Every structure is written in structure tokens, then in C-alpha cells.
Amino acid sequence: MKKMFLIAMTISLCCTLPSCKRKKLTEVVEVPLPSAEEKITIGHPDDVSADNGQFSLVKLPYQYNELSLDISTLTMEMHYSKHYLTYTNNLNRLVAADATLTDLAIEDILKKLDLNNANLRNNAGGFYNHSMFFESMAPKAGGQPKDTLAASITKDLGGFDIFKTQFIEAAEKQFGSGWAWLIVDKTGKLQVTSTPNQDNPLMPKQTVAGTPILCLDVWEHAYYLDYQYKRKKYIENFFNIINWKKVGERYEEAIAQKK
């Protein structure tokens, strides 16, 4: 038989109407202590797959616990196997119901998106943004970019330290839910920007448009279990796990497409 304990909470309520009298309400809540069988168990990212459809989850290139110094195992599992999976399944259902989207790459869907189609906007954005986010991180990563990307950050943004400050500010100042981005704009230059909700710089009518090469999720589900209200700490710690090799590959691809 499970052990139970009682939490008694006394709440004093005072009505604002003249006829109301001060009352005290006592709420007694029975809370079961979790048994060993009920403790949270963490699965494996390879066990997670989307429903059959046009798009699949990107394979997580590390285990949930491998970033745990900066993002907890539980946050990673919930983010990947619940939030990201839901966006992917929703997108597949929407694409299956619209013949004009059949066989289109996700980038092409985003570029031709009708922004009034909120359902497609949110789920296509959610799929693309999360795919890039999870691939933007790696264990034993961080540090600074190298080679062409490093040179371009210096040329276009004034150096790594300036870029880092700009990126942290973009993420921190994004009101509510959203994303921070490093992108290659239409002229081939690097820029830092942010977007609300599940929008991204590939979508029409963006303040700063271009091809994303790095992103950071600043929705609360990405960090609240670990950092609570300390969003800036989460943003700063992201730099410990950025997969600059992958970001550099994206940069080379983006530049090649502009030639």
C-alpha cells in the first residue's frame, strides 16, 4: 500500500464587495509518494519515430544525457520525443491533405508559405526549427568556429565576441516564445536575428530574411525545467554545446547556393 501524506494549505480570501465577509478556506490534498515503478524512466532517441509521412525526425546524433551539464536529460527527452515529434506528425498530416505540398522540401514549403495559414505556419516552422536546433548541438563541442565561417564572422560581424554578444541579446530580448538565428542573408553576409513563435527567416515578410545556419530555441519548454526564469543563463550555456562543425557545413552550403 502506498504511503500517503497530506498537505494542508490555508488560504485567506477577502472579497472586495461590501457585503462579503472575510473567509478562510482549508484545502487538504492527498499526494501519493511515487513507488519505484512510477519513477520517471528515460528512453532512447532511436526509439522515437514519426508517423508515416513525407517528413521524418532528424536522427539525434547523441543520447539524451550527453548534454546534461547544460541541458538536462529529462528536458532533452521531452523536447525531442514530445514537442518535436508532435510538430512532425502534425506537418505530415497537413502535407498529406494538400497535393500542392507533395514532394516539396521543407525549405520550399516555408518559402512559399501563406502566412495566414496558421496551422501550416506553426507546424512546418516547428519541424524545421527543431530539426536545425537539435543538429546544432553536440557533446564535447562549443568553443569557436574555424576556417571559412570564422573568417566570415570576423568580416561580417566584427569578430566572434561581437557575434556572441549579438546572438545572446537577440535570444534574450525575444519577447515570449521564439528563436534566435545566425543566417546568411540574400547578399551572402552573416546576420543575427530573432523570430517569434515558430517563424523563421525562410518565411515570407521576415524583418531579416535569409538562410539559417544556427538557431536557439527560447520557448520555455526548451529550458524551464533546468533554468526556470533564468533564460539568459540558458542562452549563455548554449555556447558550451554548439556544434560548430555542423554550422560550418551549413554555411558552406548556403554560400555555394548563392554562387
C-alpha atoms as a PDB file:
ATOM      1  CA  MET A   1       0.000   0.000   0.000  1.00  0.00           C
ATOM      2  CA  LYS A   2       1.370   3.357  -0.983  1.00  0.00           C
ATOM      3  CA  LYS A   3       2.327   5.842   1.651  1.00  0.00           C
ATOM      4  CA  MET A   4       0.275   8.992   1.567  1.00  0.00           C
ATOM      5  CA  PHE A   5       0.842  12.379   3.039  1.00  0.00           C
ATOM      6  CA  LEU A   6      -1.352  15.392   3.476  1.00  0.00           C
ATOM      7  CA  ILE A   7      -0.599  18.919   2.512  1.00  0.00           C
ATOM      8  CA  ALA A   8      -2.771  21.400   4.298  1.00  0.00           C
ATOM      9  CA  MET A   9      -2.973  24.826   2.739  1.00  0.00           C
ATOM     10  CA  THR A  10      -4.873  27.664   4.344  1.00  0.00           C
ATOM     11  CA  ILE A  11      -5.892  30.451   2.035  1.00  0.00           C
ATOM     12  CA  SER A  12      -7.365  33.700   3.263  1.00  0.00           C
ATOM     13  CA  LEU A  13      -9.705  35.332   0.824  1.00  0.00           C
ATOM     14  CA  CYS A  14     -11.026  38.816   1.169  1.00  0.00           C
ATOM     15  CA  CYS A  15     -13.921  39.921  -1.046  1.00  0.00           C
ATOM     16  CA  THR A  16     -13.969  43.412  -2.425  1.00  0.00           C
ATOM     17  CA  LEU A  17     -17.756  43.788  -2.232  1.00  0.00           C
ATOM     18  CA  PRO A  18     -19.109  45.436   0.923  1.00  0.00           C
ATOM     19  CA  SER A  19     -21.439  42.523   1.679  1.00  0.00           C
ATOM     20  CA  CYS A  20     -18.653  39.957   1.643  1.00  0.00           C
ATOM     21  CA  LYS A  21     -17.057  38.797   4.872  1.00  0.00           C
ATOM     22  CA  ARG A  22     -13.500  37.510   5.297  1.00  0.00           C
ATOM     23  CA  LYS A  23     -13.472  33.726   4.960  1.00  0.00           C
ATOM     24  CA  LYS A  24     -10.846  31.055   5.450  1.00  0.00           C
ATOM     25  CA  LEU A  25     -10.740  28.008   3.210  1.00  0.00           C
ATOM     26  CA  THR A  26      -8.683  24.962   4.103  1.00  0.00           C
ATOM     27  CA  GLU A  27      -7.718  22.664   1.246  1.00  0.00           C
ATOM     28  CA  VAL A  28      -6.442  19.200   2.048  1.00  0.00           C
ATOM     29  CA  VAL A  29      -4.728  17.388  -0.816  1.00  0.00           C
ATOM     30  CA  GLU A  30      -3.663  13.761  -0.691  1.00  0.00           C
ATOM     31  CA  VAL A  31      -0.432  13.256  -2.624  1.00  0.00           C
ATOM     32  CA  PRO A  32       0.909   9.731  -3.155  1.00  0.00           C
ATOM     33  CA  LEU A  33       4.620   9.163  -2.794  1.00  0.00           C
ATOM     34  CA  PRO A  34       5.878   7.657  -6.068  1.00  0.00           C
ATOM     35  CA  SER A  35       6.734   3.997  -5.935  1.00  0.00           C
ATOM     36  CA  ALA A  36       9.866   2.648  -7.581  1.00  0.00           C
ATOM     37  CA  GLU A  37       7.767   1.529 -10.542  1.00  0.00           C
ATOM     38  CA  GLU A  38       6.370   5.031 -11.026  1.00  0.00           C
ATOM     39  CA  LYS A  39       9.690   6.831 -11.211  1.00  0.00           C
ATOM     40  CA  ILE A  40      10.415   8.558 -14.487  1.00  0.00           C
ATOM     41  CA  THR A  41      12.309   6.409 -16.944  1.00  0.00           C
ATOM     42  CA  ILE A  42      14.290   7.896 -19.796  1.00  0.00           C
ATOM     43  CA  GLY A  43      14.090   6.262 -23.197  1.00  0.00           C
ATOM     44  CA  HIS A  44      16.413   6.397 -26.181  1.00  0.00           C
ATOM     45  CA  PRO A  45      16.160   8.832 -29.107  1.00  0.00           C
ATOM     46  CA  ASP A  46      16.494   5.970 -31.611  1.00  0.00           C
ATOM     47  CA  ASP A  47      13.204   4.565 -30.303  1.00  0.00           C
ATOM     48  CA  VAL A  48      11.298   7.687 -31.364  1.00  0.00           C
ATOM     49  CA  SER A  49       9.852   7.855 -34.860  1.00  0.00           C
ATOM     50  CA  ALA A  50       7.220   9.945 -36.589  1.00  0.00           C
ATOM     51  CA  ASP A  51       4.081   8.541 -38.154  1.00  0.00           C
ATOM     52  CA  ASN A  52       4.431   7.527 -41.800  1.00  0.00           C
ATOM     53  CA  GLY A  53       4.591  10.624 -43.948  1.00  0.00           C
ATOM     54  CA  GLN A  54       6.680  12.958 -46.042  1.00  0.00           C
ATOM     55  CA  PHE A  55       8.953  14.089 -43.198  1.00  0.00           C
ATOM     56  CA  SER A  56      10.929  12.208 -40.564  1.00  0.00           C
ATOM     57  CA  LEU A  57      12.628  13.288 -37.357  1.00  0.00           C
ATOM     58  CA  VAL A  58      16.291  14.109 -37.737  1.00  0.00           C
ATOM     59  CA  LYS A  59      18.276  11.412 -36.007  1.00  0.00           C
ATOM     60  CA  LEU A  60      19.544  12.782 -32.724  1.00  0.00           C
ATOM     61  CA  PRO A  61      23.354  12.443 -33.020  1.00  0.00           C
ATOM     62  CA  TYR A  62      23.824  11.937 -29.267  1.00  0.00           C
ATOM     63  CA  GLN A  63      21.984  10.417 -26.309  1.00  0.00           C
ATOM     64  CA  TYR A  64      19.616  12.488 -24.166  1.00  0.00           C
ATOM     65  CA  ASN A  65      22.077  12.596 -21.275  1.00  0.00           C
ATOM     66  CA  GLU A  66      25.139  13.695 -23.234  1.00  0.00           C
ATOM     67  CA  LEU A  67      24.374  17.406 -22.912  1.00  0.00           C
ATOM     68  CA  SER A  68      23.282  17.164 -19.286  1.00  0.00           C
ATOM     69  CA  LEU A  69      25.794  19.683 -17.930  1.00  0.00           C
ATOM     70  CA  ASP A  70      23.878  22.353 -19.860  1.00  0.00           C
ATOM     71  CA  ILE A  71      20.509  20.791 -20.776  1.00  0.00           C
ATOM     72  CA  SER A  72      19.091  18.065 -18.551  1.00  0.00           C
ATOM     73  CA  THR A  73      18.316  14.555 -19.723  1.00  0.00           C
ATOM     74  CA  LEU A  74      14.613  14.998 -18.970  1.00  0.00           C
ATOM     75  CA  THR A  75      14.394  18.278 -20.880  1.00  0.00           C
ATOM     76  CA  MET A  76      16.093  16.719 -23.892  1.00  0.00           C
ATOM     77  CA  GLU A  77      13.790  13.720 -23.922  1.00  0.00           C
ATOM     78  CA  MET A  78      10.609  15.766 -23.515  1.00  0.00           C
ATOM     79  CA  HIS A  79      11.731  18.257 -26.145  1.00  0.00           C
ATOM     80  CA  TYR A  80      12.726  15.665 -28.744  1.00  0.00           C
ATOM     81  CA  SER A  81      10.215  12.866 -28.167  1.00  0.00           C
ATOM     82  CA  LYS A  82       7.169  15.027 -27.375  1.00  0.00           C
ATOM     83  CA  HIS A  83       7.363  18.582 -28.750  1.00  0.00           C
ATOM     84  CA  TYR A  84       9.411  17.913 -31.881  1.00  0.00           C
ATOM     85  CA  LEU A  85       7.568  14.668 -32.611  1.00  0.00           C
ATOM     86  CA  THR A  86       4.209  16.424 -32.375  1.00  0.00           C
ATOM     87  CA  TYR A  87       5.221  19.134 -34.859  1.00  0.00           C
ATOM     88  CA  THR A  88       6.483  16.464 -37.253  1.00  0.00           C
ATOM     89  CA  ASN A  89       3.324  14.359 -37.102  1.00  0.00           C
ATOM     90  CA  ASN A  90       1.104  17.426 -37.471  1.00  0.00           C
ATOM     91  CA  LEU A  91       3.094  18.585 -40.507  1.00  0.00           C
ATOM     92  CA  ASN A  92       2.819  15.191 -42.161  1.00  0.00           C
ATOM     93  CA  ARG A  93      -0.959  15.222 -41.783  1.00  0.00           C
ATOM     94  CA  LEU A  94      -1.194  18.705 -43.274  1.00  0.00           C
ATOM     95  CA  VAL A  95       1.045  17.814 -46.214  1.00  0.00           C
ATOM     96  CA  ALA A  96      -0.905  14.617 -46.905  1.00  0.00           C
ATOM     97  CA  ALA A  97      -4.089  16.684 -47.168  1.00  0.00           C
ATOM     98  CA  ASP A  98      -2.644  19.228 -49.642  1.00  0.00           C
ATOM     99  CA  ALA A  99      -1.487  17.966 -53.040  1.00  0.00           C
ATOM    100  CA  THR A 100       0.382  21.226 -53.738  1.00  0.00           C
ATOM    101  CA  LEU A 101       2.855  20.325 -50.978  1.00  0.00           C
ATOM    102  CA  THR A 102       3.595  16.787 -52.125  1.00  0.00           C
ATOM    103  CA  ASP A 103       7.303  16.058 -52.555  1.00  0.00           C
ATOM    104  CA  LEU A 104       8.345  19.610 -51.677  1.00  0.00           C
ATOM    105  CA  ALA A 105      11.373  20.080 -49.458  1.00  0.00           C
ATOM    106  CA  ILE A 106      10.607  21.721 -46.128  1.00  0.00           C
ATOM    107  CA  GLU A 107      12.577  24.817 -47.210  1.00  0.00           C
ATOM    108  CA  ASP A 108      10.359  25.213 -50.276  1.00  0.00           C
ATOM    109  CA  ILE A 109       7.209  24.823 -48.191  1.00  0.00           C
ATOM    110  CA  LEU A 110       8.423  27.579 -45.883  1.00  0.00           C
ATOM    111  CA  LYS A 111       9.433  29.941 -48.702  1.00  0.00           C
ATOM    112  CA  LYS A 112       6.031  29.733 -50.444  1.00  0.00           C
ATOM    113  CA  LEU A 113       4.039  29.696 -47.203  1.00  0.00           C
ATOM    114  CA  ASP A 114       0.784  31.605 -46.875  1.00  0.00           C
ATOM    115  CA  LEU A 115       1.309  33.300 -43.518  1.00  0.00           C
ATOM    116  CA  ASN A 116      -2.464  33.301 -42.954  1.00  0.00           C
ATOM    117  CA  ASN A 117      -2.367  29.510 -42.826  1.00  0.00           C
ATOM    118  CA  ALA A 118      -1.551  29.395 -39.127  1.00  0.00           C
ATOM    119  CA  ASN A 119      -1.691  25.611 -38.865  1.00  0.00           C
ATOM    120  CA  LEU A 120       0.880  25.028 -41.588  1.00  0.00           C
ATOM    121  CA  ARG A 121       2.947  28.013 -40.486  1.00  0.00           C
ATOM    122  CA  ASN A 122       3.284  26.739 -36.916  1.00  0.00           C
ATOM    123  CA  ASN A 123       3.895  23.080 -37.705  1.00  0.00           C
ATOM    124  CA  ALA A 124       6.178  23.489 -40.720  1.00  0.00           C
ATOM    125  CA  GLY A 125       8.132  26.064 -38.740  1.00  0.00           C
ATOM    126  CA  GLY A 126       8.166  23.854 -35.666  1.00  0.00           C
ATOM    127  CA  PHE A 127       9.522  20.921 -37.661  1.00  0.00           C
ATOM    128  CA  TYR A 128      12.231  22.888 -39.474  1.00  0.00           C
ATOM    129  CA  ASN A 129      13.334  24.923 -36.463  1.00  0.00           C
ATOM    130  CA  HIS A 130      13.624  21.930 -34.146  1.00  0.00           C
ATOM    131  CA  SER A 131      15.431  19.858 -36.784  1.00  0.00           C
ATOM    132  CA  MET A 132      18.110  22.542 -37.032  1.00  0.00           C
ATOM    133  CA  PHE A 133      18.239  23.116 -33.277  1.00  0.00           C
ATOM    134  CA  PHE A 134      18.950  19.503 -32.350  1.00  0.00           C
ATOM    135  CA  GLU A 135      21.625  19.195 -35.034  1.00  0.00           C
ATOM    136  CA  SER A 136      23.216  22.454 -33.845  1.00  0.00           C
ATOM    137  CA  MET A 137      24.358  20.825 -30.594  1.00  0.00           C
ATOM    138  CA  ALA A 138      26.856  18.140 -29.711  1.00  0.00           C
ATOM    139  CA  PRO A 139      28.644  16.778 -26.635  1.00  0.00           C
ATOM    140  CA  LYS A 140      32.236  17.918 -26.166  1.00  0.00           C
ATOM    141  CA  ALA A 141      31.551  20.820 -28.513  1.00  0.00           C
ATOM    142  CA  GLY A 142      31.419  24.586 -28.025  1.00  0.00           C
ATOM    143  CA  GLY A 143      34.484  26.736 -28.425  1.00  0.00           C
ATOM    144  CA  GLN A 144      34.645  28.820 -31.593  1.00  0.00           C
ATOM    145  CA  PRO A 145      34.088  28.163 -35.292  1.00  0.00           C
ATOM    146  CA  LYS A 146      37.029  27.592 -37.605  1.00  0.00           C
ATOM    147  CA  ASP A 147      38.084  28.156 -41.195  1.00  0.00           C
ATOM    148  CA  THR A 148      35.733  29.981 -43.574  1.00  0.00           C
ATOM    149  CA  LEU A 149      32.941  30.533 -41.073  1.00  0.00           C
ATOM    150  CA  ALA A 150      35.303  32.038 -38.511  1.00  0.00           C
ATOM    151  CA  ALA A 151      36.715  34.412 -41.125  1.00  0.00           C
ATOM    152  CA  SER A 152      33.226  35.439 -42.247  1.00  0.00           C
ATOM    153  CA  ILE A 153      32.090  36.096 -38.678  1.00  0.00           C
ATOM    154  CA  THR A 154      35.055  38.430 -38.297  1.00  0.00           C
ATOM    155  CA  LYS A 155      34.426  40.118 -41.664  1.00  0.00           C
ATOM    156  CA  ASP A 156      30.630  40.476 -41.433  1.00  0.00           C
ATOM    157  CA  LEU A 157      30.025  40.814 -37.688  1.00  0.00           C
ATOM    158  CA  GLY A 158      33.292  42.181 -36.304  1.00  0.00           C
ATOM    159  CA  GLY A 159      34.565  39.037 -34.610  1.00  0.00           C
ATOM    160  CA  PHE A 160      33.368  36.118 -32.509  1.00  0.00           C
ATOM    161  CA  ASP A 161      32.922  38.080 -29.280  1.00  0.00           C
ATOM    162  CA  ILE A 162      30.727  40.649 -31.027  1.00  0.00           C
ATOM    163  CA  PHE A 163      28.714  37.890 -32.695  1.00  0.00           C
ATOM    164  CA  LYS A 164      28.240  36.123 -29.349  1.00  0.00           C
ATOM    165  CA  THR A 165      27.005  39.322 -27.697  1.00  0.00           C
ATOM    166  CA  GLN A 166      24.582  39.975 -30.566  1.00  0.00           C
ATOM    167  CA  PHE A 167      23.261  36.414 -30.501  1.00  0.00           C
ATOM    168  CA  ILE A 168      22.739  36.402 -26.727  1.00  0.00           C
ATOM    169  CA  GLU A 169      20.925  39.745 -26.927  1.00  0.00           C
ATOM    170  CA  ALA A 170      18.707  38.555 -29.799  1.00  0.00           C
ATOM    171  CA  ALA A 171      17.713  35.461 -27.825  1.00  0.00           C
ATOM    172  CA  GLU A 172      17.258  37.260 -24.511  1.00  0.00           C
ATOM    173  CA  LYS A 173      15.218  40.137 -25.937  1.00  0.00           C
ATOM    174  CA  GLN A 174      12.876  37.949 -27.975  1.00  0.00           C
ATOM    175  CA  PHE A 175       9.630  38.614 -26.127  1.00  0.00           C
ATOM    176  CA  GLY A 176       7.819  35.447 -25.180  1.00  0.00           C
ATOM    177  CA  SER A 177       8.376  32.307 -27.226  1.00  0.00           C
ATOM    178  CA  GLY A 178      10.634  32.275 -30.257  1.00  0.00           C
ATOM    179  CA  TRP A 179      14.065  31.689 -31.734  1.00  0.00           C
ATOM    180  CA  ALA A 180      17.450  33.342 -32.216  1.00  0.00           C
ATOM    181  CA  TRP A 181      19.259  32.836 -35.534  1.00  0.00           C
ATOM    182  CA  LEU A 182      22.549  33.199 -37.347  1.00  0.00           C
ATOM    183  CA  ILE A 183      21.724  33.442 -41.042  1.00  0.00           C
ATOM    184  CA  VAL A 184      23.261  34.068 -44.439  1.00  0.00           C
ATOM    185  CA  ASP A 185      21.276  36.932 -45.985  1.00  0.00           C
ATOM    186  CA  LYS A 186      20.488  37.394 -49.693  1.00  0.00           C
ATOM    187  CA  THR A 187      23.790  39.231 -50.245  1.00  0.00           C
ATOM    188  CA  GLY A 188      25.799  36.372 -48.726  1.00  0.00           C
ATOM    189  CA  LYS A 189      26.582  38.167 -45.473  1.00  0.00           C
ATOM    190  CA  LEU A 190      26.053  36.807 -41.982  1.00  0.00           C
ATOM    191  CA  GLN A 191      23.397  38.406 -39.791  1.00  0.00           C
ATOM    192  CA  VAL A 192      21.927  37.751 -36.355  1.00  0.00           C
ATOM    193  CA  THR A 193      18.169  37.970 -35.905  1.00  0.00           C
ATOM    194  CA  SER A 194      15.216  36.521 -33.973  1.00  0.00           C
ATOM    195  CA  THR A 195      11.678  35.414 -34.764  1.00  0.00           C
ATOM    196  CA  PRO A 196       8.544  34.863 -32.653  1.00  0.00           C
ATOM    197  CA  ASN A 197       6.721  31.590 -32.128  1.00  0.00           C
ATOM    198  CA  GLN A 198       7.713  29.037 -34.815  1.00  0.00           C
ATOM    199  CA  ASP A 199       8.557  31.578 -37.513  1.00  0.00           C
ATOM    200  CA  ASN A 200      11.956  31.522 -39.177  1.00  0.00           C
ATOM    201  CA  PRO A 201      13.951  33.632 -41.659  1.00  0.00           C
ATOM    202  CA  LEU A 202      12.954  31.465 -44.648  1.00  0.00           C
ATOM    203  CA  MET A 203       9.319  32.527 -44.376  1.00  0.00           C
ATOM    204  CA  PRO A 204       7.894  35.463 -46.355  1.00  0.00           C
ATOM    205  CA  LYS A 205       7.866  39.002 -44.949  1.00  0.00           C
ATOM    206  CA  GLN A 206      10.591  38.485 -42.347  1.00  0.00           C
ATOM    207  CA  THR A 207      12.339  41.553 -40.941  1.00  0.00           C
ATOM    208  CA  VAL A 208      15.687  39.883 -41.646  1.00  0.00           C
ATOM    209  CA  ALA A 209      15.411  37.149 -44.275  1.00  0.00           C
ATOM    210  CA  GLY A 210      17.949  34.558 -45.278  1.00  0.00           C
ATOM    211  CA  THR A 211      19.209  31.006 -44.926  1.00  0.00           C
ATOM    212  CA  PRO A 212      19.576  29.863 -41.297  1.00  0.00           C
ATOM    213  CA  ILE A 213      22.771  28.102 -40.233  1.00  0.00           C
ATOM    214  CA  LEU A 214      22.352  28.196 -36.421  1.00  0.00           C
ATOM    215  CA  CYS A 215      19.335  28.563 -34.158  1.00  0.00           C
ATOM    216  CA  LEU A 216      18.447  28.567 -30.465  1.00  0.00           C
ATOM    217  CA  ASP A 217      15.025  27.660 -29.107  1.00  0.00           C
ATOM    218  CA  VAL A 218      13.862  30.132 -26.452  1.00  0.00           C
ATOM    219  CA  TRP A 219      10.437  28.646 -25.892  1.00  0.00           C
ATOM    220  CA  GLU A 220      10.047  27.876 -22.193  1.00  0.00           C
ATOM    221  CA  HIS A 221       9.775  24.134 -22.809  1.00  0.00           C
ATOM    222  CA  ALA A 222      13.399  24.233 -24.010  1.00  0.00           C
ATOM    223  CA  TYR A 223      14.838  25.448 -20.727  1.00  0.00           C
ATOM    224  CA  TYR A 224      12.348  25.973 -17.888  1.00  0.00           C
ATOM    225  CA  LEU A 225      12.868  22.653 -16.100  1.00  0.00           C
ATOM    226  CA  ASP A 226      16.569  23.461 -15.849  1.00  0.00           C
ATOM    227  CA  TYR A 227      16.786  27.239 -15.593  1.00  0.00           C
ATOM    228  CA  GLN A 228      13.289  28.458 -14.594  1.00  0.00           C
ATOM    229  CA  TYR A 229      13.225  32.227 -15.187  1.00  0.00           C
ATOM    230  CA  LYS A 230      16.985  32.464 -15.873  1.00  0.00           C
ATOM    231  CA  ARG A 231      16.704  32.497 -19.635  1.00  0.00           C
ATOM    232  CA  LYS A 232      19.999  34.340 -20.096  1.00  0.00           C
ATOM    233  CA  LYS A 233      21.913  31.606 -18.274  1.00  0.00           C
ATOM    234  CA  TYR A 234      20.428  29.006 -20.622  1.00  0.00           C
ATOM    235  CA  ILE A 235      21.380  31.140 -23.627  1.00  0.00           C
ATOM    236  CA  GLU A 236      24.946  31.609 -22.395  1.00  0.00           C
ATOM    237  CA  ASN A 237      25.341  27.881 -21.685  1.00  0.00           C
ATOM    238  CA  PHE A 238      24.184  27.062 -25.216  1.00  0.00           C
ATOM    239  CA  PHE A 239      27.611  28.218 -26.375  1.00  0.00           C
ATOM    240  CA  ASN A 240      29.156  25.285 -24.486  1.00  0.00           C
ATOM    241  CA  ILE A 241      27.441  22.790 -26.798  1.00  0.00           C
ATOM    242  CA  ILE A 242      27.212  24.455 -30.218  1.00  0.00           C
ATOM    243  CA  ASN A 243      28.266  22.035 -32.949  1.00  0.00           C
ATOM    244  CA  TRP A 244      30.393  24.471 -34.952  1.00  0.00           C
ATOM    245  CA  LYS A 245      31.398  21.745 -37.398  1.00  0.00           C
ATOM    246  CA  LYS A 246      27.764  21.304 -38.440  1.00  0.00           C
ATOM    247  CA  VAL A 247      27.153  25.064 -38.503  1.00  0.00           C
ATOM    248  CA  GLY A 248      30.222  25.492 -40.704  1.00  0.00           C
ATOM    249  CA  GLU A 249      28.908  22.868 -43.127  1.00  0.00           C
ATOM    250  CA  ARG A 250      25.594  24.709 -43.342  1.00  0.00           C
ATOM    251  CA  TYR A 251      27.450  27.951 -44.033  1.00  0.00           C
ATOM    252  CA  GLU A 252      29.416  26.401 -46.899  1.00  0.00           C
ATOM    253  CA  GLU A 253      26.189  25.023 -48.396  1.00  0.00           C
ATOM    254  CA  ALA A 254      24.407  28.384 -48.110  1.00  0.00           C
ATOM    255  CA  ILE A 255      27.268  30.235 -49.777  1.00  0.00           C
ATOM    256  CA  ALA A 256      27.525  27.655 -52.557  1.00  0.00           C
ATOM    257  CA  GLN A 257      23.832  28.122 -53.378  1.00  0.00           C
ATOM    258  CA  LYS A 258      24.372  31.849 -53.892  1.00  0.00           C
ATOM    259  CA  LYS A 259      27.123  31.401 -56.487  1.00  0.00           C
END
